[in-house]
């Protein structure tokens, strides 16, 4: 087994492609839950494989400074990608309970998918400016979550939407918002990896503006 950072990064890139795929497909009515679960299983396999590689790399190579930062960042990114896949499965389960389709949810999903793409691109390209922009973009997703949740709750209150379906829709947008949070985590890890600066928790204090 090659334990070099290059091969570990390659695995993260392949895993990230699967995560992008499952996020694009989880709102597609033509894609079955079984198909989504199959992709999730592949992502889980990568999750375990990457963790194993990183553990062995740290134990055998004893990296220091930026090399150690990279190993630790990759472990965190690995976990966040696996959690995105979990959220996609949850979204699929709730989405399948809905009879009506709301274009706002598809628009939100598109924006979330773009955040995920950008956080993966900034990791591959060592791109701090893109990472910081991705962190700022999370504020837009948070607002979409609030607006849509309020819309569906109001519709339920006025008997314009069945409670079970309304609840499912609220859960869909909430889980999309959680995926955006995970993309933000990855972008923060990229900033840490490239600069050594730990900017976690600062974004919320500055409304997404990284100083």
Protein backbone atom coordinates (compact mmCIF):
# COMPACT_ATOMS: atom_id res chain seq x y z
CA UNK A 1 0.00 0.00 0.00
CA UNK A 2 1.41 3.37 -1.04
CA UNK A 3 1.11 5.74 1.92
CA UNK A 4 2.31 8.90 0.17
CA UNK A 5 0.09 12.00 0.52
CA UNK A 6 -0.36 12.03 -3.27
CA UNK A 7 -2.19 8.70 -3.27
CA UNK A 8 -4.26 9.66 -0.23
CA UNK A 9 -5.24 12.88 -1.99
CA UNK A 10 -6.18 10.85 -5.08
CA UNK A 11 -8.51 8.74 -2.95
CA UNK A 12 -10.15 11.85 -1.49
CA UNK A 13 -10.69 13.16 -5.03
CA UNK A 14 -12.35 9.90 -6.12
CA UNK A 15 -14.50 9.86 -2.99
CA UNK A 16 -15.45 13.48 -3.62
CA UNK A 17 -16.64 12.62 -7.14
CA UNK A 18 -18.96 9.99 -5.69
CA UNK A 19 -20.27 12.48 -3.14
CA UNK A 20 -21.03 14.98 -5.90
CA UNK A 21 -22.84 12.21 -7.79
CA UNK A 22 -25.03 11.17 -4.86
CA UNK A 23 -25.95 14.80 -4.14
CA UNK A 24 -27.02 15.41 -7.73
CA UNK A 25 -29.07 12.21 -7.79
CA UNK A 26 -30.83 12.32 -4.41
CA UNK A 27 -33.61 14.61 -5.77
CA UNK A 28 -33.98 12.74 -9.05
CA UNK A 29 -37.28 10.84 -9.13
CA UNK A 30 -35.83 8.45 -11.72
CA UNK A 31 -33.14 7.30 -9.28
CA UNK A 32 -34.22 4.70 -6.74
CA UNK A 33 -33.25 4.63 -3.08
CA UNK A 34 -31.36 1.38 -3.75
CA UNK A 35 -29.18 3.18 -6.29
CA UNK A 36 -28.47 5.93 -3.79
CA UNK A 37 -27.59 3.36 -1.13
CA UNK A 38 -25.20 1.63 -3.54
CA UNK A 39 -23.29 4.88 -4.04
CA UNK A 40 -23.29 5.45 -0.28
CA UNK A 41 -21.70 2.03 0.25
CA UNK A 42 -18.90 2.94 -2.17
CA UNK A 43 -18.34 6.18 -0.26
CA UNK A 44 -18.25 4.25 3.03
CA UNK A 45 -15.57 1.98 1.55
CA UNK A 46 -13.46 5.00 0.64
CA UNK A 47 -14.03 6.44 4.12
CA UNK A 48 -12.55 3.37 5.81
CA UNK A 49 -9.76 3.00 3.26
CA UNK A 50 -8.63 6.61 3.59
CA UNK A 51 -8.73 6.52 7.39
CA UNK A 52 -6.62 3.35 7.32
CA UNK A 53 -4.07 4.93 4.96
CA UNK A 54 -3.78 8.09 7.05
CA UNK A 55 -3.41 6.19 10.34
CA UNK A 56 -0.61 4.09 8.85
CA UNK A 57 1.01 7.15 7.27
CA UNK A 58 1.13 8.95 10.62
CA UNK A 59 2.37 5.86 12.50
CA UNK A 60 5.03 4.79 9.99
CA UNK A 61 6.20 8.07 8.44
CA UNK A 62 5.86 10.29 11.52
CA UNK A 63 5.10 13.44 9.51
CA UNK A 64 5.70 16.89 10.97
CA UNK A 65 4.75 20.49 10.25
CA UNK A 66 2.69 20.85 7.03
CA UNK A 67 2.83 17.12 6.29
CA UNK A 68 1.15 16.38 9.61
CA UNK A 69 -1.34 19.21 9.01
CA UNK A 70 -2.20 17.63 5.68
CA UNK A 71 -2.77 14.21 7.22
CA UNK A 72 -5.03 15.61 9.95
CA UNK A 73 -6.94 17.78 7.46
CA UNK A 74 -7.51 14.83 5.15
CA UNK A 75 -8.94 12.78 8.02
CA UNK A 76 -11.42 15.56 8.80
CA UNK A 77 -12.32 16.06 5.14
CA UNK A 78 -12.82 12.31 4.80
CA UNK A 79 -15.30 12.32 7.67
CA UNK A 80 -17.19 15.34 6.33
CA UNK A 81 -17.56 13.75 2.88
CA UNK A 82 -18.92 10.55 4.42
CA UNK A 83 -21.44 12.59 6.41
CA UNK A 84 -22.56 14.35 3.23
CA UNK A 85 -23.43 10.97 1.76
CA UNK A 86 -25.41 10.11 4.88
CA UNK A 87 -27.36 13.36 4.53
CA UNK A 88 -28.04 12.60 0.86
CA UNK A 89 -29.65 9.28 1.85
CA UNK A 90 -31.82 11.07 4.41
CA UNK A 91 -32.85 13.62 1.78
CA UNK A 92 -33.78 10.83 -0.64
CA UNK A 93 -35.96 9.10 1.97
CA UNK A 94 -37.87 12.29 2.77
CA UNK A 95 -38.08 13.38 -0.88
CA UNK A 96 -39.70 10.09 -1.82
CA UNK A 97 -42.49 10.90 0.65
CA UNK A 98 -43.37 14.12 -1.19
CA UNK A 99 -46.01 14.17 -3.92
CA UNK A 100 -45.47 17.76 -5.03
CA UNK A 101 -42.21 19.24 -6.25
CA UNK A 102 -41.02 22.72 -5.34
CA UNK A 103 -38.49 24.29 -7.70
CA UNK A 104 -36.98 26.27 -4.82
CA UNK A 105 -35.65 23.02 -3.35
CA UNK A 106 -33.98 22.11 -6.63
CA UNK A 107 -32.46 25.58 -6.76
CA UNK A 108 -31.17 25.17 -3.21
CA UNK A 109 -29.75 21.75 -4.06
CA UNK A 110 -27.95 23.26 -7.06
CA UNK A 111 -26.35 25.89 -4.84
CA UNK A 112 -25.34 23.28 -2.27
CA UNK A 113 -23.84 21.09 -5.00
CA UNK A 114 -21.85 24.09 -6.21
CA UNK A 115 -20.51 24.66 -2.69
CA UNK A 116 -19.45 21.01 -2.51
CA UNK A 117 -17.75 21.24 -5.90
CA UNK A 118 -15.94 24.40 -4.85
CA UNK A 119 -14.74 22.99 -1.54
CA UNK A 120 -13.33 19.96 -3.37
CA UNK A 121 -11.75 22.14 -6.05
CA UNK A 122 -10.07 24.35 -3.48
CA UNK A 123 -8.62 21.24 -1.81
CA UNK A 124 -7.27 19.84 -5.09
CA UNK A 125 -5.99 23.22 -6.30
CA UNK A 126 -4.63 24.45 -2.92
CA UNK A 127 -6.88 27.46 -3.54
CA UNK A 128 -7.35 29.59 -0.41
CA UNK A 129 -9.39 32.39 -2.06
CA UNK A 130 -11.92 29.84 -3.33
CA UNK A 131 -12.03 28.24 0.12
CA UNK A 132 -12.80 31.59 1.74
CA UNK A 133 -15.48 32.35 -0.87
CA UNK A 134 -17.07 28.95 -0.19
CA UNK A 135 -17.25 29.78 3.51
CA UNK A 136 -19.02 33.04 2.72
CA UNK A 137 -21.47 31.25 0.39
CA UNK A 138 -22.81 29.27 3.35
CA UNK A 139 -24.74 32.35 4.48
CA UNK A 140 -26.88 32.19 1.33
CA UNK A 141 -27.75 28.54 2.03
CA UNK A 142 -28.64 29.37 5.63
CA UNK A 143 -31.04 32.04 4.40
CA UNK A 144 -32.62 29.68 1.87
CA UNK A 145 -33.14 27.14 4.64
CA UNK A 146 -34.87 29.71 6.84
CA UNK A 147 -37.04 31.04 4.02
CA UNK A 148 -38.17 27.63 2.78
CA UNK A 149 -38.79 26.21 6.24
CA UNK A 150 -40.96 29.24 7.05
CA UNK A 151 -42.83 28.87 3.75
CA UNK A 152 -43.67 25.22 4.34
CA UNK A 153 -44.62 25.73 7.98
CA UNK A 154 -46.93 28.60 7.01
CA UNK A 155 -48.51 26.41 4.31
CA UNK A 156 -49.16 23.68 6.89
CA UNK A 157 -50.69 26.18 9.31
CA UNK A 158 -53.11 27.35 6.65
CA UNK A 159 -53.98 23.82 5.49
CA UNK A 160 -52.34 24.36 2.11
CA UNK A 161 -49.94 21.49 2.69
CA UNK A 162 -50.40 18.09 4.28
CA UNK A 163 -48.50 17.87 7.59
CA UNK A 164 -46.50 14.74 6.73
CA UNK A 165 -45.41 16.14 3.39
CA UNK A 166 -44.68 19.55 4.89
CA UNK A 167 -42.54 17.95 7.58
CA UNK A 168 -40.67 15.95 4.92
CA UNK A 169 -39.99 19.10 2.91
CA UNK A 170 -38.68 20.93 5.97
CA UNK A 171 -36.35 18.00 6.65
CA UNK A 172 -35.11 18.04 3.05
CA UNK A 173 -34.09 21.70 3.21
CA UNK A 174 -32.57 21.25 6.68
CA UNK A 175 -30.40 18.39 5.48
CA UNK A 176 -29.32 20.41 2.45
CA UNK A 177 -28.28 23.15 4.86
CA UNK A 178 -26.26 20.60 6.86
CA UNK A 179 -24.43 19.52 3.71
CA UNK A 180 -23.49 23.15 3.10
CA UNK A 181 -22.15 23.30 6.67
CA UNK A 182 -19.99 20.26 5.93
CA UNK A 183 -18.70 21.91 2.75
CA UNK A 184 -17.84 24.94 4.88
CA UNK A 185 -15.92 22.69 7.26
CA UNK A 186 -13.87 21.36 4.36
CA UNK A 187 -13.13 24.87 3.09
CA UNK A 188 -11.98 25.84 6.60
CA UNK A 189 -9.73 22.77 6.65
CA UNK A 190 -8.20 23.86 3.34
CA UNK A 191 -7.37 27.27 4.81
CA UNK A 192 -5.80 25.53 7.81
CA UNK A 193 -3.86 23.15 5.58
CA UNK A 194 -2.48 25.85 3.31
CA UNK A 195 -1.82 28.60 5.87
CA UNK A 196 -1.83 27.01 9.32
CA UNK A 197 -4.58 29.44 10.36
CA UNK A 198 -7.49 27.95 12.32
CA UNK A 199 -10.50 30.04 11.26
CA UNK A 200 -13.22 27.79 12.66
CA UNK A 201 -15.97 29.69 14.52
CA UNK A 202 -14.74 33.04 13.19
CA UNK A 203 -17.11 32.93 10.21
CA UNK A 204 -20.23 32.97 12.39
CA UNK A 205 -18.90 35.89 14.40
CA UNK A 206 -18.26 37.94 11.27
CA UNK A 207 -21.36 36.78 9.35
CA UNK A 208 -19.28 34.73 6.97
CA UNK A 209 -16.58 37.32 6.36
CA UNK A 210 -13.13 35.85 6.92
CA UNK A 211 -10.68 38.45 8.19
